[in-house]
Amino acid sequence: MILSHSNTCRVRREIRTCQHPSCGKKFDGSPTSLYCVEHRTRKCRAARAVPKEPAKPEEINLVIESDTHSPKLEKRNCSLEGCGTEYKFTLYPDHNVYPLFCELHRTEFKRQHFLKMQGRGTKVVYQTTAFHRWRDHEMQIEEYALQEPLVSPFQFRRRKNGTTGD
């Protein structure tokens, strides 16, 4: 460990090894620096970054050709190995892509985390929140609004002469 001797700041410097795949050169840098001066440029950064190939919809979703003419409630078990939780979704006549996993494992991070914890032998405990999703019949706003009591979205202030500000 080498300390820089300047009056402005004291930065810890070390001899580091460049992490670029083709380099491995030794350089003087801070403990958090990974690359030598040559490989810190944008050009080298672009070469290091491997573009992630987007997943096909068939790999992470369930593709069902629906033959119904009205929405139908469907039940399935989660396709993640070791989960098996039953979840519900609605089949629509004009949709083909539906969830393959239960609500707890919809994202790639949650699936990887579940498999990692299962590999360790740790049971994953999910905390449910008070948030609930709208049901399909509530999504039809006009019908839903007619069922609710009449509530004005804006409160009108009374003027000094006793009339409202309509």
Protein backbone atom coordinates (compact mmCIF):
# COMPACT_ATOMS: atom_id res chain seq x y z
CA MET A 1 0.00 0.00 0.00
CA ILE A 2 1.35 3.37 -1.02
CA LEU A 3 0.03 6.67 0.31
CA SER A 4 0.14 9.71 -1.89
CA HIS A 5 2.01 12.58 -0.23
CA SER A 6 0.13 15.68 -1.28
CA ASN A 7 -1.41 18.38 0.87
CA THR A 8 -4.77 18.34 -0.93
CA CYS A 9 -5.96 14.78 -0.35
CA ARG A 10 -4.73 11.48 0.87
CA VAL A 11 -5.67 8.76 -1.60
CA ARG A 12 -4.71 5.18 -1.00
CA ARG A 13 -2.88 3.81 -4.04
CA GLU A 14 -2.04 0.20 -4.80
CA ILE A 15 -0.49 -1.87 -7.51
CA ARG A 16 -3.47 -3.38 -9.36
CA THR A 17 -3.89 -5.84 -12.24
CA CYS A 18 -5.96 -4.78 -15.25
CA GLN A 19 -9.18 -6.82 -15.49
CA HIS A 20 -9.51 -6.46 -19.27
CA PRO A 21 -9.61 -9.98 -20.80
CA SER A 22 -6.56 -9.49 -23.05
CA CYS A 23 -4.40 -7.28 -20.81
CA GLY A 24 -3.39 -8.35 -17.27
CA LYS A 25 -0.92 -5.41 -17.05
CA LYS A 26 0.09 -4.06 -13.60
CA PHE A 27 -0.74 -0.41 -12.89
CA ASP A 28 -0.81 2.05 -9.99
CA GLY A 29 -4.41 2.84 -9.01
CA SER A 30 -6.98 3.20 -6.26
CA PRO A 31 -8.49 0.08 -4.63
CA THR A 32 -11.65 0.43 -6.72
CA SER A 33 -9.98 0.85 -10.14
CA LEU A 34 -10.26 -2.21 -12.36
CA TYR A 35 -8.65 -1.18 -15.64
CA CYS A 36 -5.35 0.36 -16.68
CA VAL A 37 -5.19 3.77 -18.39
CA GLU A 38 -5.41 2.19 -21.88
CA HIS A 39 -8.61 0.26 -21.11
CA ARG A 40 -10.57 3.02 -19.34
CA THR A 41 -11.71 4.60 -22.62
CA ARG A 42 -15.23 4.42 -24.05
CA LYS A 43 -13.94 2.42 -26.98
CA CYS A 44 -12.68 -0.37 -24.71
CA ARG A 45 -15.82 -0.22 -22.59
CA ALA A 46 -17.96 -0.88 -25.65
CA ALA A 47 -15.78 -3.87 -26.56
CA ARG A 48 -16.15 -5.32 -23.03
CA ALA A 49 -19.92 -4.95 -22.95
CA VAL A 50 -21.58 -8.00 -24.44
CA PRO A 51 -25.07 -7.13 -25.66
CA LYS A 52 -27.72 -9.20 -23.96
CA GLU A 53 -29.90 -11.13 -26.35
CA PRO A 54 -33.59 -10.48 -25.65
CA ALA A 55 -35.57 -13.54 -24.61
CA LYS A 56 -38.21 -14.90 -26.95
CA PRO A 57 -41.79 -14.59 -25.66
CA GLU A 58 -42.23 -18.37 -25.81
CA GLU A 59 -39.36 -18.90 -23.34
CA ILE A 60 -40.70 -16.77 -20.49
CA ASN A 61 -44.43 -16.75 -21.29
CA LEU A 62 -47.16 -19.23 -21.95
CA VAL A 63 -48.57 -19.07 -25.50
CA ILE A 64 -52.17 -20.30 -25.72
CA GLU A 65 -54.40 -20.13 -28.76
CA SER A 66 -57.76 -19.40 -27.19
CA ASP A 67 -60.88 -20.78 -28.88
CA THR A 68 -63.33 -19.02 -26.55
CA HIS A 69 -65.39 -15.97 -27.49
CA SER A 70 -65.63 -14.57 -23.97
CA PRO A 71 -63.09 -14.17 -21.12
CA LYS A 72 -62.49 -17.36 -19.16
CA LEU A 73 -60.70 -17.85 -15.81
CA GLU A 74 -57.82 -20.34 -16.01
CA LYS A 75 -55.79 -21.96 -13.19
CA ARG A 76 -52.23 -23.24 -13.58
CA ASN A 77 -49.32 -24.24 -11.39
CA CYS A 78 -46.10 -22.20 -11.44
CA SER A 79 -43.60 -23.63 -13.94
CA LEU A 80 -40.59 -22.78 -11.77
CA GLU A 81 -38.92 -25.92 -10.49
CA GLY A 82 -39.69 -26.33 -6.79
CA CYS A 83 -42.51 -23.78 -6.56
CA GLY A 84 -45.75 -25.35 -7.79
CA THR A 85 -47.92 -22.49 -6.48
CA GLU A 86 -51.32 -22.32 -8.15
CA TYR A 87 -52.15 -19.01 -9.82
CA LYS A 88 -55.09 -17.69 -11.80
CA PHE A 89 -55.30 -15.64 -14.97
CA THR A 90 -58.01 -14.72 -17.44
CA LEU A 91 -58.00 -16.04 -21.00
CA TYR A 92 -59.12 -13.44 -23.52
CA PRO A 93 -60.17 -14.26 -27.09
CA ASP A 94 -57.79 -11.74 -28.69
CA HIS A 95 -54.65 -12.49 -26.57
CA ASN A 96 -52.15 -15.33 -27.01
CA VAL A 97 -49.42 -14.57 -24.45
CA TYR A 98 -50.03 -15.35 -20.76
CA PRO A 99 -47.81 -15.66 -17.65
CA LEU A 100 -45.83 -18.88 -17.24
CA PHE A 101 -44.96 -18.27 -13.59
CA CYS A 102 -46.93 -17.32 -10.48
CA GLU A 103 -46.99 -13.68 -9.33
CA LEU A 104 -44.10 -14.30 -6.93
CA HIS A 105 -41.75 -15.37 -9.76
CA ARG A 106 -42.71 -13.11 -12.69
CA THR A 107 -39.34 -11.34 -12.92
CA GLU A 108 -36.05 -12.98 -13.88
CA PHE A 109 -34.40 -11.75 -10.64
CA LYS A 110 -37.09 -13.35 -8.45
CA ARG A 111 -36.74 -16.67 -10.29
CA GLN A 112 -32.95 -16.68 -9.95
CA HIS A 113 -33.18 -15.68 -6.28
CA PHE A 114 -35.68 -18.49 -5.58
CA LEU A 115 -33.48 -21.10 -7.26
CA LYS A 116 -30.37 -19.82 -5.45
CA MET A 117 -32.10 -19.97 -2.05
CA GLN A 118 -33.54 -23.39 -2.83
CA GLY A 119 -30.02 -24.61 -3.74
CA ARG A 120 -28.79 -23.41 -0.33
CA GLY A 121 -31.67 -25.20 1.39
CA THR A 122 -33.20 -21.91 2.61
CA LYS A 123 -36.93 -21.47 2.29
CA VAL A 124 -37.88 -18.16 0.69
CA VAL A 125 -40.54 -16.32 2.68
CA TYR A 126 -42.46 -13.67 0.79
CA GLN A 127 -44.20 -10.86 2.60
CA THR A 128 -47.50 -9.89 1.09
CA THR A 129 -48.44 -6.24 1.01
CA ALA A 130 -51.81 -4.62 1.48
CA PHE A 131 -51.81 -3.70 -2.22
CA HIS A 132 -54.38 -5.55 -4.31
CA ARG A 133 -54.86 -5.52 -8.04
CA TRP A 134 -58.00 -4.41 -9.76
CA ARG A 135 -60.24 -7.24 -10.80
CA ASP A 136 -61.21 -7.58 -14.43
CA HIS A 137 -64.72 -6.27 -13.84
CA GLU A 138 -63.28 -3.20 -12.06
CA MET A 139 -61.18 -2.39 -15.11
CA GLN A 140 -64.34 -1.46 -16.93
CA ILE A 141 -64.28 2.04 -15.50
CA GLU A 142 -67.71 3.19 -16.60
CA GLU A 143 -69.51 0.30 -14.94
CA TYR A 144 -67.30 0.59 -11.86
CA ALA A 145 -67.89 4.33 -11.58
CA LEU A 146 -71.65 3.84 -11.76
CA GLN A 147 -71.49 1.40 -8.83
CA GLU A 148 -69.58 3.87 -6.63
CA PRO A 149 -71.37 6.68 -4.77
CA LEU A 150 -71.21 10.08 -6.42
CA VAL A 151 -68.00 11.77 -5.31
CA SER A 152 -66.77 15.03 -6.74
CA PRO A 153 -63.07 14.84 -7.58
CA PHE A 154 -62.58 18.53 -6.80
CA GLN A 155 -63.76 20.33 -3.72
CA PHE A 156 -65.20 23.70 -4.66
CA ARG A 157 -64.45 26.60 -2.35
CA ARG A 158 -67.22 28.91 -1.34
CA ARG A 159 -66.73 32.51 -2.25
CA LYS A 160 -67.28 35.32 0.21
CA ASN A 161 -70.71 36.05 -1.27
CA GLY A 162 -71.86 32.42 -0.64
CA THR A 163 -71.68 30.97 -4.18
CA THR A 164 -69.41 28.15 -5.38
CA GLY A 165 -66.63 28.71 -7.90
CA ASP A 166 -68.11 26.65 -10.79
